[in-house]
Every structure is written in structure tokens, then in C-alpha cells.
Amino acid sequence: MKHFDAIIIGTGQAGPSLAGRFSAAGKTVAVIERHKFGGTCVNTGCIPTKTMVASAYAAHIARIRFQRTRRCVCRYETRQGSPILKVWKRDHWDS
């Protein structure tokens, strides 16, 4: 049976840094995670939500700008998981 100086349950915000501190102090550490490393914030909560809100805001601004001027064409796409908003002047798009 293995013995550990510390057992950390969950890899949320504090788990990995706490494990690193114990390890740097020469302690043996076991980390237990039942699902995805990083916890809720990284995988389904804070970070994905902030990305979705920023993308929605960019699309909203593009629509408003188009509705006010009718002089640009907007296209929203993602590349490697990062949102990209492309805006062209209408005369450039038509040519």
C-alpha cells in the first residue's frame, strides 16, 4: 500500500497549485479527479462562458454596425477554437 503526505481531491482552481507546493516541499502527493482535469471553471464554467459572451458581443456589434450603415458585410467564423469576426466594406465584397 502506498502512503502519501497529502491527498488532494479535485483539480479545480487550487488543486494543481497546492499539489505543486507540496511537491516542491518534498512531500509525496496524490491527486484524485473523477472527471476532467481543471474542474468546472476551465471545462464548462467560467472560461467557456466568457468566450461565448465575447463572441456574442462581437456578433452583436457587427450586426448593429451593419444595420446602421448598410455598408459592410460581416462574417463570423472560428479557427482553432478562437472566434474571428471579419468585416468588409460592401464595395470590396461585391468585387
PDB file of N, CA and C in Angstrom:
ATOM      1  N   MET A   1       0.844  -1.179   0.000  1.00  0.00           N
ATOM      2  CA  MET A   1       0.000   0.000   0.000  1.00  0.00           C
ATOM      3  C   MET A   1       0.887   1.239   0.000  1.00  0.00           C
ATOM      4  N   LYS A   2       0.567   2.193  -0.857  1.00  0.00           N
ATOM      5  CA  LYS A   2       1.344   3.425  -0.913  1.00  0.00           C
ATOM      6  C   LYS A   2       0.851   4.407   0.143  1.00  0.00           C
ATOM      7  N   HIS A   3       1.776   5.182   0.641  1.00  0.00           N
ATOM      8  CA  HIS A   3       1.447   6.212   1.628  1.00  0.00           C
ATOM      9  C   HIS A   3       1.805   7.575   1.049  1.00  0.00           C
ATOM     10  N   PHE A   4       0.939   8.538   1.263  1.00  0.00           N
ATOM     11  CA  PHE A   4       1.142   9.898   0.765  1.00  0.00           C
ATOM     12  C   PHE A   4       1.113  10.874   1.932  1.00  0.00           C
ATOM     13  N   ASP A   5       1.880  11.954   1.786  1.00  0.00           N
ATOM     14  CA  ASP A   5       1.838  13.014   2.788  1.00  0.00           C
ATOM     15  C   ASP A   5       0.586  13.871   2.631  1.00  0.00           C
ATOM     16  N   ALA A   6       0.093  13.977   1.385  1.00  0.00           N
ATOM     17  CA  ALA A   6      -1.104  14.782   1.118  1.00  0.00           C
ATOM     18  C   ALA A   6      -1.909  14.130   0.010  1.00  0.00           C
ATOM     19  N   ILE A   7      -3.218  14.179   0.142  1.00  0.00           N
ATOM     20  CA  ILE A   7      -4.133  13.722  -0.900  1.00  0.00           C
ATOM     21  C   ILE A   7      -5.025  14.902  -1.248  1.00  0.00           C
ATOM     22  N   ILE A   8      -4.999  15.283  -2.510  1.00  0.00           N
ATOM     23  CA  ILE A   8      -5.797  16.428  -2.970  1.00  0.00           C
ATOM     24  C   ILE A   8      -6.942  15.885  -3.799  1.00  0.00           C
ATOM     25  N   ILE A   9      -8.151  16.245  -3.397  1.00  0.00           N
ATOM     26  CA  ILE A   9      -9.343  15.779  -4.097  1.00  0.00           C
ATOM     27  C   ILE A   9      -9.849  16.924  -4.967  1.00  0.00           C
ATOM     28  N   GLY A  10      -9.814  16.715  -6.269  1.00  0.00           N
ATOM     29  CA  GLY A  10     -10.296  17.712  -7.218  1.00  0.00           C
ATOM     30  C   GLY A  10      -9.170  18.565  -7.780  1.00  0.00           C
ATOM     31  N   THR A  11      -9.292  18.875  -9.059  1.00  0.00           N
ATOM     32  CA  THR A  11      -8.278  19.695  -9.724  1.00  0.00           C
ATOM     33  C   THR A  11      -8.880  21.011 -10.194  1.00  0.00           C
ATOM     34  N   GLY A  12      -9.635  21.627  -9.317  1.00  0.00           N
ATOM     35  CA  GLY A  12     -10.197  22.943  -9.629  1.00  0.00           C
ATOM     36  C   GLY A  12      -9.122  24.010  -9.571  1.00  0.00           C
ATOM     37  N   GLN A  13      -9.473  25.196  -9.138  1.00  0.00           N
ATOM     38  CA  GLN A  13      -8.536  26.312  -9.137  1.00  0.00           C
ATOM     39  C   GLN A  13      -7.350  26.079  -8.208  1.00  0.00           C
ATOM     40  N   ALA A  14      -7.552  25.518  -7.047  1.00  0.00           N
ATOM     41  CA  ALA A  14      -6.473  25.396  -6.065  1.00  0.00           C
ATOM     42  C   ALA A  14      -5.736  24.071  -6.128  1.00  0.00           C
ATOM     43  N   GLY A  15      -6.350  23.034  -6.659  1.00  0.00           N
ATOM     44  CA  GLY A  15      -5.761  21.696  -6.617  1.00  0.00           C
ATOM     45  C   GLY A  15      -4.364  21.587  -7.214  1.00  0.00           C
ATOM     46  N   PRO A  16      -4.166  21.940  -8.483  1.00  0.00           N
ATOM     47  CA  PRO A  16      -2.835  21.784  -9.086  1.00  0.00           C
ATOM     48  C   PRO A  16      -1.752  22.635  -8.418  1.00  0.00           C
ATOM     49  N   SER A  17      -2.073  23.868  -8.051  1.00  0.00           N
ATOM     50  CA  SER A  17      -1.049  24.711  -7.412  1.00  0.00           C
ATOM     51  C   SER A  17      -0.710  24.195  -6.019  1.00  0.00           C
ATOM     52  N   LEU A  18      -1.699  23.685  -5.307  1.00  0.00           N
ATOM     53  CA  LEU A  18      -1.447  23.106  -3.991  1.00  0.00           C
ATOM     54  C   LEU A  18      -0.570  21.855  -4.110  1.00  0.00           C
ATOM     55  N   ALA A  19      -0.848  21.022  -5.101  1.00  0.00           N
ATOM     56  CA  ALA A  19      -0.033  19.833  -5.329  1.00  0.00           C
ATOM     57  C   ALA A  19       1.406  20.232  -5.657  1.00  0.00           C
ATOM     58  N   GLY A  20       1.578  21.279  -6.446  1.00  0.00           N
ATOM     59  CA  GLY A  20       2.916  21.761  -6.779  1.00  0.00           C
ATOM     60  C   GLY A  20       3.678  22.250  -5.562  1.00  0.00           C
ATOM     61  N   ARG A  21       2.988  22.944  -4.672  1.00  0.00           N
ATOM     62  CA  ARG A  21       3.651  23.441  -3.453  1.00  0.00           C
ATOM     63  C   ARG A  21       4.079  22.301  -2.542  1.00  0.00           C
ATOM     64  N   PHE A  22       3.190  21.319  -2.377  1.00  0.00           N
ATOM     65  CA  PHE A  22       3.551  20.161  -1.558  1.00  0.00           C
ATOM     66  C   PHE A  22       4.737  19.414  -2.166  1.00  0.00           C
ATOM     67  N   SER A  23       4.699  19.222  -3.468  1.00  0.00           N
ATOM     68  CA  SER A  23       5.763  18.512  -4.161  1.00  0.00           C
ATOM     69  C   SER A  23       7.093  19.254  -4.046  1.00  0.00           C
ATOM     70  N   ALA A  24       7.060  20.583  -4.184  1.00  0.00           N
ATOM     71  CA  ALA A  24       8.274  21.397  -4.054  1.00  0.00           C
ATOM     72  C   ALA A  24       8.840  21.315  -2.639  1.00  0.00           C
ATOM     73  N   ALA A  25       7.975  21.075  -1.665  1.00  0.00           N
ATOM     74  CA  ALA A  25       8.426  20.950  -0.272  1.00  0.00           C
ATOM     75  C   ALA A  25       8.920  19.538   0.050  1.00  0.00           C
ATOM     76  N   GLY A  26       8.947  18.676  -0.979  1.00  0.00           N
ATOM     77  CA  GLY A  26       9.455  17.322  -0.771  1.00  0.00           C
ATOM     78  C   GLY A  26       8.423  16.326  -0.282  1.00  0.00           C
ATOM     79  N   LYS A  27       7.170  16.676  -0.318  1.00  0.00           N
ATOM     80  CA  LYS A  27       6.097  15.780   0.132  1.00  0.00           C
ATOM     81  C   LYS A  27       5.622  14.915  -1.025  1.00  0.00           C
ATOM     82  N   THR A  28       5.121  13.741  -0.709  1.00  0.00           N
ATOM     83  CA  THR A  28       4.507  12.898  -1.728  1.00  0.00           C
ATOM     84  C   THR A  28       3.026  13.243  -1.786  1.00  0.00           C
ATOM     85  N   VAL A  29       2.517  13.401  -3.009  1.00  0.00           N
ATOM     86  CA  VAL A  29       1.150  13.897  -3.197  1.00  0.00           C
ATOM     87  C   VAL A  29       0.383  12.977  -4.137  1.00  0.00           C
ATOM     88  N   ALA A  30      -0.862  12.724  -3.809  1.00  0.00           N
ATOM     89  CA  ALA A  30      -1.790  12.024  -4.693  1.00  0.00           C
ATOM     90  C   ALA A  30      -2.907  13.003  -5.047  1.00  0.00           C
ATOM     91  N   VAL A  31      -3.240  13.073  -6.333  1.00  0.00           N
ATOM     92  CA  VAL A  31      -4.330  13.942  -6.790  1.00  0.00           C
ATOM     93  C   VAL A  31      -5.428  13.053  -7.342  1.00  0.00           C
ATOM     94  N   ILE A  32      -6.641  13.278  -6.872  1.00  0.00           N
ATOM     95  CA  ILE A  32      -7.793  12.483  -7.293  1.00  0.00           C
ATOM     96  C   ILE A  32      -8.765  13.401  -8.030  1.00  0.00           C
ATOM     97  N   GLU A  33      -9.117  13.010  -9.250  1.00  0.00           N
ATOM     98  CA  GLU A  33     -10.084  13.774 -10.051  1.00  0.00           C
ATOM     99  C   GLU A  33     -11.024  12.775 -10.699  1.00  0.00           C
ATOM    100  N   ARG A  34     -12.310  12.970 -10.554  1.00  0.00           N
ATOM    101  CA  ARG A  34     -13.253  11.991 -11.091  1.00  0.00           C
ATOM    102  C   ARG A  34     -13.619  12.219 -12.544  1.00  0.00           C
ATOM    103  N   HIS A  35     -13.393  13.432 -13.058  1.00  0.00           N
ATOM    104  CA  HIS A  35     -13.825  13.679 -14.438  1.00  0.00           C
ATOM    105  C   HIS A  35     -12.704  14.329 -15.235  1.00  0.00           C
ATOM    106  N   LYS A  36     -12.787  15.616 -15.488  1.00  0.00           N
ATOM    107  CA  LYS A  36     -11.797  16.307 -16.311  1.00  0.00           C
ATOM    108  C   LYS A  36     -10.861  17.143 -15.448  1.00  0.00           C
ATOM    109  N   PHE A  37      -9.585  17.093 -15.793  1.00  0.00           N
ATOM    110  CA  PHE A  37      -8.588  17.887 -15.077  1.00  0.00           C
ATOM    111  C   PHE A  37      -8.897  19.368 -15.288  1.00  0.00           C
ATOM    112  N   GLY A  38      -8.877  20.146 -14.231  1.00  0.00           N
ATOM    113  CA  GLY A  38      -9.150  21.578 -14.319  1.00  0.00           C
ATOM    114  C   GLY A  38     -10.451  21.979 -13.668  1.00  0.00           C
ATOM    115  N   GLY A  39     -11.325  21.037 -13.453  1.00  0.00           N
ATOM    116  CA  GLY A  39     -12.584  21.349 -12.774  1.00  0.00           C
ATOM    117  C   GLY A  39     -13.596  22.049 -13.660  1.00  0.00           C
ATOM    118  N   THR A  40     -14.637  22.536 -13.026  1.00  0.00           N
ATOM    119  CA  THR A  40     -15.755  23.152 -13.734  1.00  0.00           C
ATOM    120  C   THR A  40     -15.370  24.444 -14.431  1.00  0.00           C
ATOM    121  N   CYS A  41     -14.587  25.289 -13.785  1.00  0.00           N
ATOM    122  CA  CYS A  41     -14.269  26.614 -14.338  1.00  0.00           C
ATOM    123  C   CYS A  41     -13.593  26.502 -15.696  1.00  0.00           C
ATOM    124  N   VAL A  42     -12.602  25.654 -15.790  1.00  0.00           N
ATOM    125  CA  VAL A  42     -11.843  25.535 -17.036  1.00  0.00           C
ATOM    126  C   VAL A  42     -12.637  24.816 -18.118  1.00  0.00           C
ATOM    127  N   ASN A  43     -13.379  23.789 -17.756  1.00  0.00           N
ATOM    128  CA  ASN A  43     -14.008  22.923 -18.751  1.00  0.00           C
ATOM    129  C   ASN A  43     -15.422  23.322 -19.165  1.00  0.00           C
ATOM    130  N   THR A  44     -16.239  23.775 -18.249  1.00  0.00           N
ATOM    131  CA  THR A  44     -17.629  24.078 -18.619  1.00  0.00           C
ATOM    132  C   THR A  44     -18.136  25.388 -18.052  1.00  0.00           C
ATOM    133  N   GLY A  45     -17.411  26.011 -17.159  1.00  0.00           N
ATOM    134  CA  GLY A  45     -17.922  27.194 -16.467  1.00  0.00           C
ATOM    135  C   GLY A  45     -17.365  28.493 -16.984  1.00  0.00           C
ATOM    136  N   CYS A  46     -16.499  29.090 -16.201  1.00  0.00           N
ATOM    137  CA  CYS A  46     -16.028  30.466 -16.407  1.00  0.00           C
ATOM    138  C   CYS A  46     -15.437  30.722 -17.784  1.00  0.00           C
ATOM    139  N   ILE A  47     -14.423  29.971 -18.162  1.00  0.00           N
ATOM    140  CA  ILE A  47     -13.692  30.260 -19.395  1.00  0.00           C
ATOM    141  C   ILE A  47     -14.558  30.041 -20.635  1.00  0.00           C
ATOM    142  N   PRO A  48     -15.242  28.896 -20.795  1.00  0.00           N
ATOM    143  CA  PRO A  48     -16.105  28.751 -21.968  1.00  0.00           C
ATOM    144  C   PRO A  48     -17.233  29.787 -21.997  1.00  0.00           C
ATOM    145  N   THR A  49     -17.763  30.134 -20.826  1.00  0.00           N
ATOM    146  CA  THR A  49     -18.835  31.132 -20.783  1.00  0.00           C
ATOM    147  C   THR A  49     -18.325  32.497 -21.216  1.00  0.00           C
ATOM    148  N   LYS A  50     -17.133  32.892 -20.752  1.00  0.00           N
ATOM    149  CA  LYS A  50     -16.573  34.183 -21.156  1.00  0.00           C
ATOM    150  C   LYS A  50     -16.308  34.222 -22.651  1.00  0.00           C
ATOM    151  N   THR A  51     -15.858  33.114 -23.228  1.00  0.00           N
ATOM    152  CA  THR A  51     -15.632  33.043 -24.670  1.00  0.00           C
ATOM    153  C   THR A  51     -16.947  33.203 -25.423  1.00  0.00           C
ATOM    154  N   MET A  52     -17.999  32.531 -24.948  1.00  0.00           N
ATOM    155  CA  MET A  52     -19.293  32.628 -25.598  1.00  0.00           C
ATOM    156  C   MET A  52     -19.847  34.050 -25.508  1.00  0.00           C
ATOM    157  N   VAL A  53     -19.717  34.688 -24.352  1.00  0.00           N
ATOM    158  CA  VAL A  53     -20.208  36.065 -24.177  1.00  0.00           C
ATOM    159  C   VAL A  53     -19.439  37.026 -25.080  1.00  0.00           C
ATOM    160  N   ALA A  54     -18.121  36.871 -25.165  1.00  0.00           N
ATOM    161  CA  ALA A  54     -17.314  37.746 -26.029  1.00  0.00           C
ATOM    162  C   ALA A  54     -17.678  37.556 -27.490  1.00  0.00           C
ATOM    163  N   SER A  55     -17.922  36.330 -27.902  1.00  0.00           N
ATOM    164  CA  SER A  55     -18.314  36.056 -29.284  1.00  0.00           C
ATOM    165  C   SER A  55     -19.680  36.657 -29.599  1.00  0.00           C
ATOM    166  N   ALA A  56     -20.615  36.511 -28.673  1.00  0.00           N
ATOM    167  CA  ALA A  56     -21.951  37.081 -28.869  1.00  0.00           C
ATOM    168  C   ALA A  56     -21.882  38.598 -28.942  1.00  0.00           C
ATOM    169  N   TYR A  57     -21.043  39.213 -28.116  1.00  0.00           N
ATOM    170  CA  TYR A  57     -20.890  40.671 -28.139  1.00  0.00           C
ATOM    171  C   TYR A  57     -20.310  41.131 -29.481  1.00  0.00           C
ATOM    172  N   ALA A  58     -19.296  40.426 -29.985  1.00  0.00           N
ATOM    173  CA  ALA A  58     -18.699  40.791 -31.275  1.00  0.00           C
ATOM    174  C   ALA A  58     -19.727  40.683 -32.395  1.00  0.00           C
ATOM    175  N   ALA A  59     -20.527  39.617 -32.390  1.00  0.00           N
ATOM    176  CA  ALA A  59     -21.566  39.464 -33.417  1.00  0.00           C
ATOM    177  C   ALA A  59     -22.618  40.556 -33.294  1.00  0.00           C
ATOM    178  N   HIS A  60     -22.979  40.918 -32.072  1.00  0.00           N
ATOM    179  CA  HIS A  60     -23.960  41.975 -31.835  1.00  0.00           C
ATOM    180  C   HIS A  60     -23.465  43.313 -32.384  1.00  0.00           C
ATOM    181  N   ILE A  61     -22.219  43.665 -32.093  1.00  0.00           N
ATOM    182  CA  ILE A  61     -21.642  44.923 -32.581  1.00  0.00           C
ATOM    183  C   ILE A  61     -21.615  44.930 -34.112  1.00  0.00           C
ATOM    184  N   ALA A  62     -21.242  43.804 -34.716  1.00  0.00           N
ATOM    185  CA  ALA A  62     -21.200  43.730 -36.176  1.00  0.00           C
ATOM    186  C   ALA A  62     -22.582  43.929 -36.778  1.00  0.00           C
ATOM    187  N   ARG A  63     -23.598  43.313 -36.184  1.00  0.00           N
ATOM    188  CA  ARG A  63     -24.964  43.484 -36.703  1.00  0.00           C
ATOM    189  C   ARG A  63     -25.432  44.931 -36.593  1.00  0.00           C
ATOM    190  N   ILE A  64     -25.164  45.545 -35.436  1.00  0.00           N
ATOM    191  CA  ILE A  64     -25.569  46.942 -35.243  1.00  0.00           C
ATOM    192  C   ILE A  64     -24.865  47.834 -36.260  1.00  0.00           C
ATOM    193  N   ARG A  65     -23.579  47.631 -36.437  1.00  0.00           N
ATOM    194  CA  ARG A  65     -22.824  48.448 -37.391  1.00  0.00           C
ATOM    195  C   ARG A  65     -23.370  48.269 -38.802  1.00  0.00           C
ATOM    196  N   PHE A  66     -23.699  47.033 -39.161  1.00  0.00           N
ATOM    197  CA  PHE A  66     -24.257  46.776 -40.487  1.00  0.00           C
ATOM    198  C   PHE A  66     -25.630  47.430 -40.638  1.00  0.00           C
ATOM    199  N   GLN A  67     -26.483  47.302 -39.613  1.00  0.00           N
ATOM    200  CA  GLN A  67     -27.823  47.872 -39.694  1.00  0.00           C
ATOM    201  C   GLN A  67     -27.786  49.390 -39.791  1.00  0.00           C
ATOM    202  N   ARG A  68     -26.809  50.012 -39.139  1.00  0.00           N
ATOM    203  CA  ARG A  68     -26.725  51.470 -39.167  1.00  0.00           C
ATOM    204  C   ARG A  68     -26.159  51.995 -40.475  1.00  0.00           C
ATOM    205  N   THR A  69     -25.193  51.301 -41.041  1.00  0.00           N
ATOM    206  CA  THR A  69     -24.515  51.843 -42.215  1.00  0.00           C
ATOM    207  C   THR A  69     -24.903  51.150 -43.509  1.00  0.00           C
ATOM    208  N   ARG A  70     -25.260  49.898 -43.439  1.00  0.00           N
ATOM    209  CA  ARG A  70     -25.541  49.073 -44.615  1.00  0.00           C
ATOM    210  C   ARG A  70     -24.379  49.103 -45.607  1.00  0.00           C
ATOM    211  N   ARG A  71     -23.175  49.389 -45.085  1.00  0.00           N
ATOM    212  CA  ARG A  71     -22.020  49.492 -45.962  1.00  0.00           C
ATOM    213  C   ARG A  71     -20.990  48.409 -45.700  1.00  0.00           C
ATOM    214  N   CYS A  72     -21.295  47.496 -44.828  1.00  0.00           N
ATOM    215  CA  CYS A  72     -20.309  46.445 -44.587  1.00  0.00           C
ATOM    216  C   CYS A  72     -20.996  45.090 -44.560  1.00  0.00           C
ATOM    217  N   VAL A  73     -20.212  44.078 -44.827  1.00  0.00           N
ATOM    218  CA  VAL A  73     -20.682  42.704 -44.773  1.00  0.00           C
ATOM    219  C   VAL A  73     -19.841  42.002 -43.715  1.00  0.00           C
ATOM    220  N   CYS A  74     -20.493  41.293 -42.824  1.00  0.00           N
ATOM    221  CA  CYS A  74     -19.799  40.669 -41.702  1.00  0.00           C
ATOM    222  C   CYS A  74     -19.928  39.155 -41.797  1.00  0.00           C
ATOM    223  N   ARG A  75     -18.867  38.491 -41.421  1.00  0.00           N
ATOM    224  CA  ARG A  75     -18.897  37.033 -41.364  1.00  0.00           C
ATOM    225  C   ARG A  75     -18.182  36.603 -40.091  1.00  0.00           C
ATOM    226  N   TYR A  76     -18.802  35.699 -39.368  1.00  0.00           N
ATOM    227  CA  TYR A  76     -18.245  35.201 -38.110  1.00  0.00           C
ATOM    228  C   TYR A  76     -17.795  33.769 -38.336  1.00  0.00           C
ATOM    229  N   GLU A  77     -16.587  33.454 -37.903  1.00  0.00           N
ATOM    230  CA  GLU A  77     -16.090  32.093 -38.027  1.00  0.00           C
ATOM    231  C   GLU A  77     -15.146  31.793 -36.862  1.00  0.00           C
ATOM    232  N   THR A  78     -14.803  30.539 -36.713  1.00  0.00           N
ATOM    233  CA  THR A  78     -13.826  30.172 -35.689  1.00  0.00           C
ATOM    234  C   THR A  78     -12.679  29.442 -36.363  1.00  0.00           C
ATOM    235  N   ARG A  79     -11.487  29.687 -35.853  1.00  0.00           N
ATOM    236  CA  ARG A  79     -10.295  28.982 -36.321  1.00  0.00           C
ATOM    237  C   ARG A  79      -9.538  28.487 -35.100  1.00  0.00           C
ATOM    238  N   GLN A  80      -9.342  27.202 -35.040  1.00  0.00           N
ATOM    239  CA  GLN A  80      -8.649  26.564 -33.928  1.00  0.00           C
ATOM    240  C   GLN A  80      -9.278  26.955 -32.590  1.00  0.00           C
ATOM    241  N   GLY A  81     -10.599  27.070 -32.562  1.00  0.00           N
ATOM    242  CA  GLY A  81     -11.316  27.365 -31.337  1.00  0.00           C
ATOM    243  C   GLY A  81     -11.390  28.830 -30.967  1.00  0.00           C
ATOM    244  N   SER A  82     -10.754  29.706 -31.756  1.00  0.00           N
ATOM    245  CA  SER A  82     -10.778  31.139 -31.445  1.00  0.00           C
ATOM    246  C   SER A  82     -11.770  31.851 -32.364  1.00  0.00           C
ATOM    247  N   PRO A  83     -12.627  32.707 -31.786  1.00  0.00           N
ATOM    248  CA  PRO A  83     -13.592  33.415 -32.623  1.00  0.00           C
ATOM    249  C   PRO A  83     -12.918  34.493 -33.467  1.00  0.00           C
ATOM    250  N   ILE A  84     -13.358  34.605 -34.712  1.00  0.00           N
ATOM    251  CA  ILE A  84     -12.848  35.632 -35.621  1.00  0.00           C
ATOM    252  C   ILE A  84     -14.049  36.308 -36.265  1.00  0.00           C
ATOM    253  N   LEU A  85     -14.057  37.613 -36.254  1.00  0.00           N
ATOM    254  CA  LEU A  85     -15.116  38.374 -36.893  1.00  0.00           C
ATOM    255  C   LEU A  85     -14.496  39.146 -38.037  1.00  0.00           C
ATOM    256  N   LYS A  86     -14.941  38.868 -39.269  1.00  0.00           N
ATOM    257  CA  LYS A  86     -14.413  39.555 -40.438  1.00  0.00           C
ATOM    258  C   LYS A  86     -15.455  40.549 -40.925  1.00  0.00           C
ATOM    259  N   VAL A  87     -15.002  41.760 -41.201  1.00  0.00           N
ATOM    260  CA  VAL A  87     -15.896  42.814 -41.673  1.00  0.00           C
ATOM    261  C   VAL A  87     -15.276  43.415 -42.935  1.00  0.00           C
ATOM    262  N   TRP A  88     -16.049  43.454 -44.014  1.00  0.00           N
ATOM    263  CA  TRP A  88     -15.599  44.059 -45.256  1.00  0.00           C
ATOM    264  C   TRP A  88     -16.506  45.207 -45.635  1.00  0.00           C
ATOM    265  N   LYS A  89     -15.940  46.186 -46.316  1.00  0.00           N
ATOM    266  CA  LYS A  89     -16.784  47.216 -46.903  1.00  0.00           C
ATOM    267  C   LYS A  89     -17.547  46.573 -48.046  1.00  0.00           C
ATOM    268  N   ARG A  90     -18.765  47.007 -48.275  1.00  0.00           N
ATOM    269  CA  ARG A  90     -19.611  46.382 -49.275  1.00  0.00           C
ATOM    270  C   ARG A  90     -18.967  46.421 -50.661  1.00  0.00           C
ATOM    271  N   ASP A  91     -18.326  47.491 -51.043  1.00  0.00           N
ATOM    272  CA  ASP A  91     -17.749  47.564 -52.381  1.00  0.00           C
ATOM    273  C   ASP A  91     -16.613  46.554 -52.556  1.00  0.00           C
ATOM    274  N   HIS A  92     -15.877  46.271 -51.487  1.00  0.00           N
ATOM    275  CA  HIS A  92     -14.822  45.253 -51.556  1.00  0.00           C
ATOM    276  C   HIS A  92     -15.430  43.861 -51.687  1.00  0.00           C
ATOM    277  N   TRP A  93     -16.519  43.613 -50.980  1.00  0.00           N
ATOM    278  CA  TRP A  93     -17.179  42.297 -51.006  1.00  0.00           C
ATOM    279  C   TRP A  93     -17.764  42.009 -52.369  1.00  0.00           C
ATOM    280  N   ASP A  94     -18.376  42.996 -53.002  1.00  0.00           N
ATOM    281  CA  ASP A  94     -19.043  42.797 -54.286  1.00  0.00           C
ATOM    282  C   ASP A  94     -18.063  42.565 -55.428  1.00  0.00           C
ATOM    283  N   SER A  95     -16.831  43.058 -55.287  1.00  0.00           N
ATOM    284  CA  SER A  95     -15.884  42.936 -56.401  1.00  0.00           C
ATOM    285  C   SER A  95     -15.223  41.587 -56.453  1.00  0.00           C
TER     286      SER A  95
END
